[in-house]
Amino acid sequence: MIRSYKDLIVYKKSYDAAIEVHKMSMSLPVLERDELGSQIRRASKSVPMNIAEGYGKKSSLDEFKRYMRMALGSVEEVKVQLDFCKDLGYIKEEEHKKLERDYNEISKMLVKILKDWKGSCI
């Protein structure tokens, strides 16, 4: 039974992915920790935060879906920033692929929620 946003699988996956991205960003070159690192940390944390905020406003279907769309936008932002990290040689191909898979899965889950969500009750 879902009693909190913390019970949502998409929240759990996005939170865990944000932790991984945060840790990865701390190994970026010093200059990039303040630039690219800061951006990717904010974007990755925005995903679970928007899921939580949307859940809190679930009594309004439009509001809930608006926050899920914002979370989806942040997922795409993270994926672009991961590409920059890989293409600039800051992370290895394997790490990029793993994080990209995680965010692709989160994206699919959010799209499914947007498609299937019918009401204010969970």
Protein backbone atom coordinates (compact mmCIF):
# COMPACT_ATOMS: atom_id res chain seq x y z
CA MET A 1 0.00 0.00 0.00
CA ILE A 2 1.24 3.45 -0.88
CA ARG A 3 1.00 5.87 2.04
CA SER A 4 3.76 8.28 1.08
CA TYR A 5 5.79 9.38 -1.90
CA LYS A 6 8.57 7.27 -0.35
CA ASP A 7 6.52 4.17 -1.22
CA LEU A 8 6.61 5.00 -4.95
CA ILE A 9 9.18 2.89 -6.80
CA VAL A 10 9.95 5.78 -9.16
CA TYR A 11 10.75 7.97 -6.15
CA LYS A 12 13.08 5.34 -4.68
CA LYS A 13 14.88 4.81 -8.00
CA SER A 14 15.25 8.52 -8.65
CA TYR A 15 16.50 9.18 -5.12
CA ASP A 16 19.10 6.41 -5.39
CA ALA A 17 20.17 7.65 -8.83
CA ALA A 18 20.54 11.21 -7.48
CA ILE A 19 22.82 9.90 -4.72
CA GLU A 20 24.96 8.12 -7.33
CA VAL A 21 25.13 11.25 -9.51
CA HIS A 22 26.05 13.39 -6.51
CA LYS A 23 28.92 11.05 -5.60
CA MET A 24 30.10 10.94 -9.22
CA SER A 25 30.00 14.73 -9.48
CA MET A 26 32.35 15.09 -6.52
CA SER A 27 35.07 13.34 -8.53
CA LEU A 28 34.89 15.85 -11.38
CA PRO A 29 37.82 18.23 -11.88
CA VAL A 30 37.73 21.14 -9.40
CA LEU A 31 36.55 23.68 -11.99
CA GLU A 32 33.74 21.39 -13.10
CA ARG A 33 32.55 20.63 -9.56
CA ASP A 34 31.30 24.19 -9.38
CA GLU A 35 29.97 24.32 -12.94
CA LEU A 36 28.80 21.06 -14.50
CA GLY A 37 28.85 19.28 -11.14
CA SER A 38 26.53 21.78 -9.54
CA GLN A 39 24.12 21.63 -12.48
CA ILE A 40 23.95 17.84 -12.57
CA ARG A 41 23.51 17.64 -8.80
CA ARG A 42 20.59 20.08 -8.89
CA ALA A 43 18.94 18.38 -11.88
CA SER A 44 19.30 14.88 -10.42
CA LYS A 45 17.88 15.97 -7.06
CA SER A 46 15.04 17.78 -8.81
CA VAL A 47 13.60 14.45 -10.02
CA PRO A 48 12.73 12.94 -6.60
CA MET A 49 11.86 16.38 -5.21
CA ASN A 50 9.30 16.98 -7.95
CA ILE A 51 7.87 13.48 -7.46
CA ALA A 52 7.49 14.18 -3.73
CA GLU A 53 5.95 17.61 -4.29
CA GLY A 54 3.58 16.27 -6.94
CA TYR A 55 2.52 13.48 -4.60
CA GLY A 56 1.78 16.09 -1.96
CA LYS A 57 -0.55 17.82 -4.43
CA LYS A 58 -2.14 14.63 -5.73
CA SER A 59 -5.64 15.85 -4.87
CA SER A 60 -5.37 17.90 -8.07
CA LEU A 61 -4.71 15.65 -11.05
CA ASP A 62 -3.44 18.55 -13.16
CA GLU A 63 -1.01 19.67 -10.45
CA PHE A 64 0.21 16.12 -9.88
CA LYS A 65 0.86 15.60 -13.58
CA ARG A 66 2.56 19.00 -13.87
CA TYR A 67 5.12 17.92 -11.27
CA MET A 68 5.62 14.55 -12.95
CA ARG A 69 6.32 16.42 -16.22
CA MET A 70 8.84 18.64 -14.41
CA ALA A 71 10.51 15.50 -13.03
CA LEU A 72 10.62 14.09 -16.55
CA GLY A 73 12.23 17.29 -17.82
CA SER A 74 14.87 17.04 -15.11
CA VAL A 75 15.57 13.42 -16.13
CA GLU A 76 16.32 14.60 -19.66
CA GLU A 77 18.52 17.39 -18.32
CA VAL A 78 20.54 14.87 -16.27
CA LYS A 79 20.99 12.67 -19.35
CA VAL A 80 22.47 15.57 -21.35
CA GLN A 81 24.80 16.45 -18.50
CA LEU A 82 25.89 12.82 -18.24
CA ASP A 83 26.73 12.96 -21.95
CA PHE A 84 28.89 16.02 -21.30
CA CYS A 85 30.67 14.21 -18.46
CA LYS A 86 31.39 11.23 -20.71
CA ASP A 87 32.36 13.21 -23.80
CA LEU A 88 34.69 15.45 -21.81
CA GLY A 89 36.37 12.35 -20.39
CA TYR A 90 35.24 12.92 -16.79
CA ILE A 91 33.46 9.56 -16.42
CA LYS A 92 34.06 6.19 -18.00
CA GLU A 93 31.77 4.67 -20.61
CA GLU A 94 30.58 1.97 -18.16
CA GLU A 95 29.55 4.52 -15.52
CA HIS A 96 27.79 6.60 -18.17
CA LYS A 97 25.88 3.58 -19.49
CA LYS A 98 24.78 2.51 -16.02
CA LEU A 99 23.52 5.97 -15.07
CA GLU A 100 21.90 6.42 -18.47
CA ARG A 101 20.06 3.09 -18.04
CA ASP A 102 18.88 4.20 -14.60
CA TYR A 103 17.54 7.50 -15.93
CA ASN A 104 15.95 5.83 -18.98
CA GLU A 105 14.08 3.52 -16.59
CA ILE A 106 12.99 6.46 -14.43
CA SER A 107 11.81 8.25 -17.58
CA LYS A 108 9.70 5.26 -18.64
CA MET A 109 8.16 5.05 -15.18
CA LEU A 110 7.24 8.74 -15.21
CA VAL A 111 5.73 8.46 -18.71
CA LYS A 112 3.65 5.49 -17.52
CA ILE A 113 2.45 7.46 -14.49
CA LEU A 114 1.47 10.38 -16.73
CA LYS A 115 -0.40 8.03 -19.07
CA ASP A 116 -2.12 5.86 -16.46
CA TRP A 117 -2.83 8.18 -13.51
CA LYS A 118 -6.61 8.62 -13.33
CA GLY A 119 -7.44 10.24 -10.03
CA SER A 120 -6.45 11.68 -6.71
CA CYS A 121 -6.32 8.40 -4.79
CA ILE A 122 -3.31 6.14 -4.73
